[in-house]
Protein backbone atom coordinates (compact mmCIF):
# COMPACT_ATOMS: atom_id res chain seq x y z
CA MET A 1 79.89 81.41 83.36
CA GLN A 2 82.90 80.44 81.23
CA THR A 3 85.91 82.89 79.73
CA ALA A 4 89.52 82.91 78.81
CA LEU A 5 90.48 83.45 81.70
CA THR A 6 88.59 80.25 84.09
CA LYS A 7 90.08 78.70 81.22
CA LYS A 8 93.76 78.95 81.50
CA LEU A 9 93.77 79.33 85.14
CA GLY A 10 91.33 76.45 86.01
CA ILE A 11 89.19 78.45 87.99
CA GLU A 12 84.98 78.18 88.51
CA HIS A 13 84.14 83.05 88.09
CA PRO A 14 86.15 84.72 86.38
CA ILE A 15 87.27 86.86 89.44
CA ILE A 16 90.44 87.31 90.78
CA GLN A 17 91.59 88.96 93.88
CA GLY A 18 94.54 90.85 92.88
CA GLY A 19 98.11 91.28 95.48
CA MET A 20 97.62 94.05 98.63
CA GLN A 21 100.29 94.95 100.90
CA TRP A 22 99.57 92.93 104.42
CA ILE A 23 96.47 91.81 103.01
CA GLY A 24 97.42 89.01 100.76
CA ARG A 25 97.83 86.62 103.28
CA ALA A 26 96.78 82.82 102.95
CA GLU A 27 93.07 82.91 104.82
CA LEU A 28 91.95 85.65 102.26
CA VAL A 29 93.38 83.85 99.20
CA ALA A 30 91.83 80.45 100.79
CA ALA A 31 88.91 81.95 101.46
CA VAL A 32 88.69 83.71 97.59
CA SER A 33 90.00 80.25 96.02
CA ASN A 34 87.74 77.77 98.04
CA ALA A 35 85.00 80.47 96.64
CA GLY A 36 86.17 79.85 92.97
CA ALA A 37 87.60 82.66 91.86
CA LEU A 38 91.50 82.90 92.06
CA GLY A 39 92.97 84.16 95.25
CA THR A 40 96.80 86.39 95.40
CA LEU A 41 98.35 85.41 97.79
CA THR A 42 101.28 89.12 97.79
CA ALA A 43 105.09 88.18 98.02
CA LEU A 44 106.64 91.65 99.77
CA THR A 45 103.48 91.02 102.80
CA GLN A 46 106.21 88.46 104.23
CA PRO A 47 108.82 90.43 105.09
CA THR A 48 111.95 87.42 103.89
CA PRO A 49 111.91 85.00 100.96
CA GLU A 50 112.37 81.96 103.67
CA ALA A 51 108.70 83.42 104.98
CA LEU A 52 107.31 83.33 102.23
CA ARG A 53 108.10 79.65 101.65
CA ASP A 54 106.37 79.30 105.02
CA GLU A 55 103.29 80.60 104.00
CA ILE A 56 102.84 79.42 100.86
CA GLU A 57 103.09 75.77 102.63
CA ARG A 58 100.74 77.18 104.54
CA LEU A 59 98.31 78.33 101.70
CA ARG A 60 98.37 74.98 100.70
CA THR A 61 96.86 73.63 104.23
CA MET A 62 93.90 75.80 103.66
CA THR A 63 92.60 74.89 99.81
CA ASP A 64 93.86 72.34 97.41
CA ARG A 65 92.11 75.13 94.23
CA PRO A 66 94.60 77.26 92.19
CA PHE A 67 95.97 80.13 93.80
CA ALA A 68 98.64 83.25 92.50
CA VAL A 69 101.39 84.72 93.87
CA ASN A 70 101.81 88.74 93.09
CA LEU A 71 105.14 90.19 93.12
CA THR A 72 105.13 93.54 92.58
CA PHE A 73 108.93 95.99 91.42
CA LEU A 74 108.15 98.95 92.44
CA PRO A 75 111.67 101.44 93.62
CA THR A 76 112.75 101.39 97.15
CA LEU A 77 114.58 103.61 99.45
CA LYS A 78 115.85 100.25 101.08
CA PRO A 79 117.26 96.75 98.76
CA VAL A 80 114.76 94.15 98.26
CA PRO A 81 115.55 90.72 97.05
CA TYR A 82 113.16 90.50 94.12
CA GLU A 83 115.71 87.22 92.64
CA ALA A 84 115.12 85.36 95.88
CA TYR A 85 111.32 85.74 96.03
CA ARG A 86 110.76 84.25 92.87
CA ASP A 87 113.26 81.62 93.35
CA VAL A 88 110.77 80.54 96.55
CA ILE A 89 108.11 81.10 93.92
CA VAL A 90 109.39 78.68 91.16
CA ASP A 91 110.32 76.26 94.30
CA CYS A 92 107.44 75.92 95.12
CA GLY A 93 105.47 75.02 91.83
CA VAL A 94 103.42 78.42 92.17
CA LYS A 95 101.77 77.82 88.49
CA ILE A 96 100.56 81.83 88.40
CA VAL A 97 102.18 84.84 88.99
CA GLU A 98 100.75 88.48 89.38
CA THR A 99 103.34 90.71 88.38
CA ALA A 100 103.43 94.89 89.04
CA GLY A 101 105.58 97.85 89.21
CA ASN A 102 108.49 98.32 87.39
CA ASN A 103 108.94 95.90 83.46
CA PRO A 104 108.97 92.05 84.90
CA SER A 105 111.87 90.92 81.78
CA ALA A 106 114.35 90.03 84.11
CA HIS A 107 112.34 87.73 85.73
CA MET A 108 110.81 85.88 82.93
CA PRO A 109 113.12 83.48 81.31
CA ALA A 110 112.94 81.87 85.36
CA LEU A 111 109.05 82.10 85.48
CA LYS A 112 108.43 80.77 81.94
CA ALA A 113 111.14 78.27 82.24
CA ALA A 114 108.91 76.77 85.43
CA GLY A 115 105.46 76.94 83.43
CA ILE A 116 103.85 79.92 85.28
CA THR A 117 101.32 81.53 84.11
CA VAL A 118 102.04 85.61 84.37
CA ILE A 119 99.52 87.48 84.62
CA HIS A 120 101.53 91.52 84.56
CA LYS A 121 99.45 94.78 86.15
CA CYS A 122 99.73 97.79 83.88
CA THR A 123 97.64 101.52 83.91
CA THR A 124 98.35 102.04 80.18
CA ALA A 125 97.56 99.97 76.93
CA ARG A 126 100.65 101.02 75.44
CA HIS A 127 102.41 99.05 79.25
CA ALA A 128 100.31 96.68 78.14
CA LEU A 129 101.36 96.02 74.74
CA LYS A 130 104.67 95.81 75.99
CA ALA A 131 104.08 93.53 78.82
CA GLN A 132 102.68 91.33 75.88
CA GLN A 133 105.71 91.35 73.92
CA ILE A 134 108.50 90.34 76.59
CA GLY A 135 105.90 87.94 76.84
CA VAL A 136 103.14 87.68 79.55
CA ASP A 137 100.65 85.19 79.68
CA MET A 138 97.71 88.30 80.46
CA VAL A 139 97.55 91.70 82.05
CA SER A 140 95.33 93.35 84.27
CA ILE A 141 94.88 96.95 83.15
CA ASP A 142 93.99 98.96 85.80
CA GLY A 143 92.22 102.23 85.53
CA PHE A 144 92.42 105.58 87.05
CA GLU A 145 89.70 104.20 89.37
CA CYS A 146 91.75 102.01 91.18
CA ALA A 147 93.95 102.33 94.57
CA GLY A 148 96.97 102.62 94.72
CA HIS A 149 99.69 102.96 91.63
CA THR A 150 97.24 104.70 89.27
CA GLY A 151 100.09 105.37 86.73
CA GLU A 152 100.59 108.89 85.84
CA GLU A 153 98.40 109.12 82.42
CA ASP A 154 94.74 109.30 84.52
CA ILE A 155 93.05 107.07 81.85
CA PRO A 156 89.47 105.79 83.40
CA GLY A 157 88.62 102.15 82.84
CA LEU A 158 85.91 102.76 80.62
CA ILE A 159 88.55 103.79 77.66
CA LEU A 160 91.38 101.79 78.75
CA ILE A 161 90.03 98.39 78.97
CA PRO A 162 88.30 98.60 75.37
CA SER A 163 91.64 100.35 74.31
CA ALA A 164 93.82 97.88 75.66
CA VAL A 165 91.12 94.58 74.28
CA SER A 166 91.60 96.26 70.74
CA LYS A 167 95.17 96.20 71.63
CA LEU A 168 96.42 92.52 72.40
CA SER A 169 95.70 89.56 71.03
CA ILE A 170 96.57 87.92 74.79
CA PRO A 171 93.46 88.10 77.43
CA VAL A 172 92.57 91.07 79.00
CA ILE A 173 91.32 91.24 82.78
CA ALA A 174 89.46 94.68 84.27
CA SER A 175 90.73 95.63 87.30
CA GLY A 176 90.05 99.21 88.90
CA GLY A 177 86.06 99.63 90.42
CA PHE A 178 85.02 96.60 90.26
CA SER A 179 82.84 95.24 93.42
CA ASP A 180 79.57 93.73 91.80
CA GLY A 181 77.68 91.84 89.08
CA ARG A 182 77.11 95.37 87.48
CA GLY A 183 81.59 95.69 86.95
CA LEU A 184 82.02 92.09 85.73
CA VAL A 185 78.61 92.71 83.09
CA ALA A 186 80.41 95.89 82.30
CA ALA A 187 83.97 94.56 81.98
CA LEU A 188 83.01 91.36 79.57
CA ALA A 189 81.08 93.60 77.66
CA LEU A 190 84.31 96.23 77.30
CA GLY A 191 86.17 92.74 75.80
CA ALA A 192 87.36 92.34 79.27
CA GLU A 193 87.81 88.05 79.70
CA GLY A 194 86.95 88.74 84.18
CA ILE A 195 87.67 91.39 86.54
CA ASN A 196 90.61 92.22 89.17
CA MET A 197 89.34 93.74 92.76
CA GLY A 198 91.81 94.88 95.05
CA THR A 199 89.35 97.02 97.73
CA ARG A 200 86.21 94.84 97.20
CA PHE A 201 88.43 92.13 99.63
CA MET A 202 89.52 93.84 101.17
CA CYS A 203 86.21 94.31 102.81
CA THR A 204 85.27 90.92 103.52
CA GLN A 205 85.36 88.66 106.63
CA GLU A 206 88.13 86.88 105.90
CA SER A 207 90.44 89.88 104.96
CA PRO A 208 93.08 90.68 108.03
CA ALA A 209 92.40 94.13 107.55
CA HIS A 210 90.59 95.16 110.79
CA LEU A 211 87.13 96.35 110.96
CA ASN A 212 87.94 99.64 111.63
CA ILE A 213 89.65 100.22 108.37
CA LYS A 214 86.77 97.34 107.12
CA GLN A 215 83.51 99.72 108.11
CA ALA A 216 85.18 103.09 106.87
CA ILE A 217 85.02 101.79 103.47
CA VAL A 218 81.99 101.25 104.27
CA ASP A 219 81.17 103.84 105.31
CA ASN A 220 83.31 106.22 103.03
CA ALA A 221 81.63 107.79 99.61
CA GLU A 222 83.54 107.34 96.31
CA THR A 223 84.52 111.41 96.88
CA ASP A 224 86.39 109.53 99.77
CA THR A 225 89.87 109.28 98.24
CA ALA A 226 93.32 111.33 97.81
CA LEU A 227 96.31 111.00 95.28
CA ILE A 228 99.21 111.26 96.74
CA LEU A 229 102.91 111.31 95.45
CA ARG A 230 101.75 113.27 91.92
CA SER A 231 104.73 115.39 92.33
CA LEU A 232 107.16 112.21 92.09
CA ARG A 233 105.44 110.72 89.67
CA ASN A 234 104.23 107.66 91.56
CA SER A 235 100.66 109.03 91.94
CA SER A 236 98.83 106.24 94.56
CA ARG A 237 95.31 106.58 95.63
CA VAL A 238 94.02 106.39 99.77
CA ALA A 239 92.20 107.36 101.50
CA ARG A 240 91.06 110.89 102.13
CA THR A 241 92.44 111.36 105.90
CA GLN A 242 93.53 114.32 107.79
CA LEU A 243 97.77 112.64 107.19
CA ALA A 244 96.68 112.54 102.95
CA GLN A 245 95.35 115.84 103.11
CA SER A 246 99.11 116.49 104.81
CA ILE A 247 100.94 115.13 102.52
CA ILE A 248 99.67 116.92 99.46
CA ASP A 249 99.80 119.90 101.11
CA MET A 250 103.93 118.83 101.68
CA GLU A 251 103.40 118.16 97.67
CA LYS A 252 102.24 121.94 96.63
CA ALA A 253 105.81 123.36 99.46
CA GLY A 254 107.76 121.88 97.03
CA ALA A 255 108.56 118.83 99.85
CA THR A 256 110.88 116.31 98.26
CA ILE A 257 111.23 112.89 98.89
CA GLN A 258 112.99 112.82 101.95
CA GLU A 259 110.49 114.75 103.97
CA ILE A 260 107.87 113.02 102.61
CA GLY A 261 109.17 109.74 102.84
CA PRO A 262 108.62 109.07 106.68
CA LYS A 263 105.10 110.24 106.26
CA VAL A 264 104.17 107.82 104.05
CA ALA A 265 106.11 104.68 105.26
CA GLY A 266 104.62 101.20 104.79
CA ALA A 267 105.18 100.14 108.37
CA LYS A 268 103.19 102.76 110.00
CA GLY A 269 100.43 101.41 106.67
CA ARG A 270 101.09 98.07 107.73
CA LYS A 271 99.22 98.81 111.83
CA VAL A 272 96.68 100.94 110.14
CA TYR A 273 95.53 97.14 108.97
CA GLU A 274 96.34 95.67 112.26
CA GLU A 275 95.39 98.43 114.37
CA GLY A 276 92.32 99.39 112.56
CA ASP A 277 93.64 103.83 113.26
CA VAL A 278 92.77 105.60 109.65
CA GLU A 279 94.95 108.22 110.84
CA GLY A 280 97.65 105.98 111.34
CA GLY A 281 99.36 106.22 108.62
CA ILE A 282 98.34 105.70 104.57
CA TRP A 283 96.58 103.21 103.29
CA THR A 284 94.66 102.55 99.87
CA VAL A 285 91.41 102.41 98.40
CA GLY A 286 89.34 102.98 95.75
CA MET A 287 86.94 104.95 94.70
CA VAL A 288 84.36 101.86 94.52
CA GLN A 289 84.55 101.96 97.77
CA GLY A 290 81.32 103.71 97.25
CA LEU A 291 79.68 101.07 96.17
CA ILE A 292 80.07 98.59 99.00
CA ASN A 293 77.22 98.13 101.76
CA ASP A 294 78.90 95.17 103.55
CA ILE A 295 80.80 93.04 105.02
CA PRO A 296 80.44 89.42 103.52
CA THR A 297 82.07 86.07 103.48
CA CYS A 298 84.49 85.69 99.97
CA ALA A 299 81.77 83.01 99.44
CA GLU A 300 78.94 85.21 99.70
CA LEU A 301 80.24 87.43 97.51
CA VAL A 302 81.55 85.20 94.91
CA ARG A 303 78.11 83.92 94.41
CA ARG A 304 76.36 87.19 94.53
CA ILE A 305 78.68 88.96 92.05
CA VAL A 306 77.83 85.68 89.44
CA ASP A 307 74.04 85.44 90.12
CA GLU A 308 74.22 89.26 89.74
CA ALA A 309 75.60 89.36 86.82
CA GLU A 310 74.10 86.31 84.98
CA SER A 311 71.14 87.55 86.22
CA ILE A 312 71.20 91.08 84.17
CA ILE A 313 72.25 89.08 81.16
CA GLU A 314 70.03 86.67 81.35
CA GLN A 315 66.58 89.61 82.49
CA ARG A 316 67.71 92.87 81.03
CA LEU A 317 70.52 92.71 77.89
CA MET A 318 68.54 89.54 76.49
CA LYS A 319 64.83 91.16 76.53
CA LEU A 320 66.22 94.40 75.33
CA THR A 321 67.07 92.19 72.07
CA GLY A 322 63.88 90.97 72.33
CA ARG A 323 64.93 87.66 73.73
CA SER A 324 63.58 85.63 76.39
CA SER A 325 66.71 83.35 78.19
CA VAL A 326 70.54 82.71 77.00
CA THR A 327 72.45 80.04 78.19
CA VAL A 328 75.63 81.15 79.86
């Protein structure tokens, strides 16, 4: 199934594993890339730029397939040496970078001078247009269903994806709410060139998330997420836990970032993924968990998505047109 995404990135299937803090490590990335999709290493999961360099080198011992590195720019209480992380990415010869969060324009000259393909993640068509203007090669458009930072305009993918496609001349990748072949076909029908999945890849055998977290995703419904930090205009979709509800209650009572900050500390979220205590900290997950029922290998998952997508196109959609088959 060849699209502008597969041709540009040199991958077999139009599927990307998006950057995920604490999850996008070498083992998962290699498994996704070896399955013919695009794995994405998360730069800021590594504590220092030097550690990122080591992780990239380790990843290259596991796969010779294309992979990306995610670099997310967000407001933080402690300054992050973004330029140093970027320079490591460039020095290591990485060819694909996924940026997210704030406008990456300050880093574009260095990335483009190195011949890097830049995919920027956006939550509105307006931001996607700006990304195109500053020279990114593709945008990953994140619907309101997504895990983590949802943006502040609450636009679901069914509207957001075709809106972005109609306004942009660069390829659009659909993100937020995707887990199977049905989603892939829907994304292609809406004009996207492929899909970006986070939660679905988090719930695979190669994912470093604790088994308790993976089982919680399998057990949870689409209603088992919560939106926190809305009062701070930094909305984030997370698992609906007692801790998440306590933060929502604090926000309703007018709590400040100084009061809320300790409860949403990234170090606590890391412990959740490593130790499996679902109430030990805030952890992100998408509404798509309601469609996830197992914990396959990445190879099994990618193959299943592609097979299901091809079957839907050939056996259902083509029959609706009165045709019996199609070459995909």
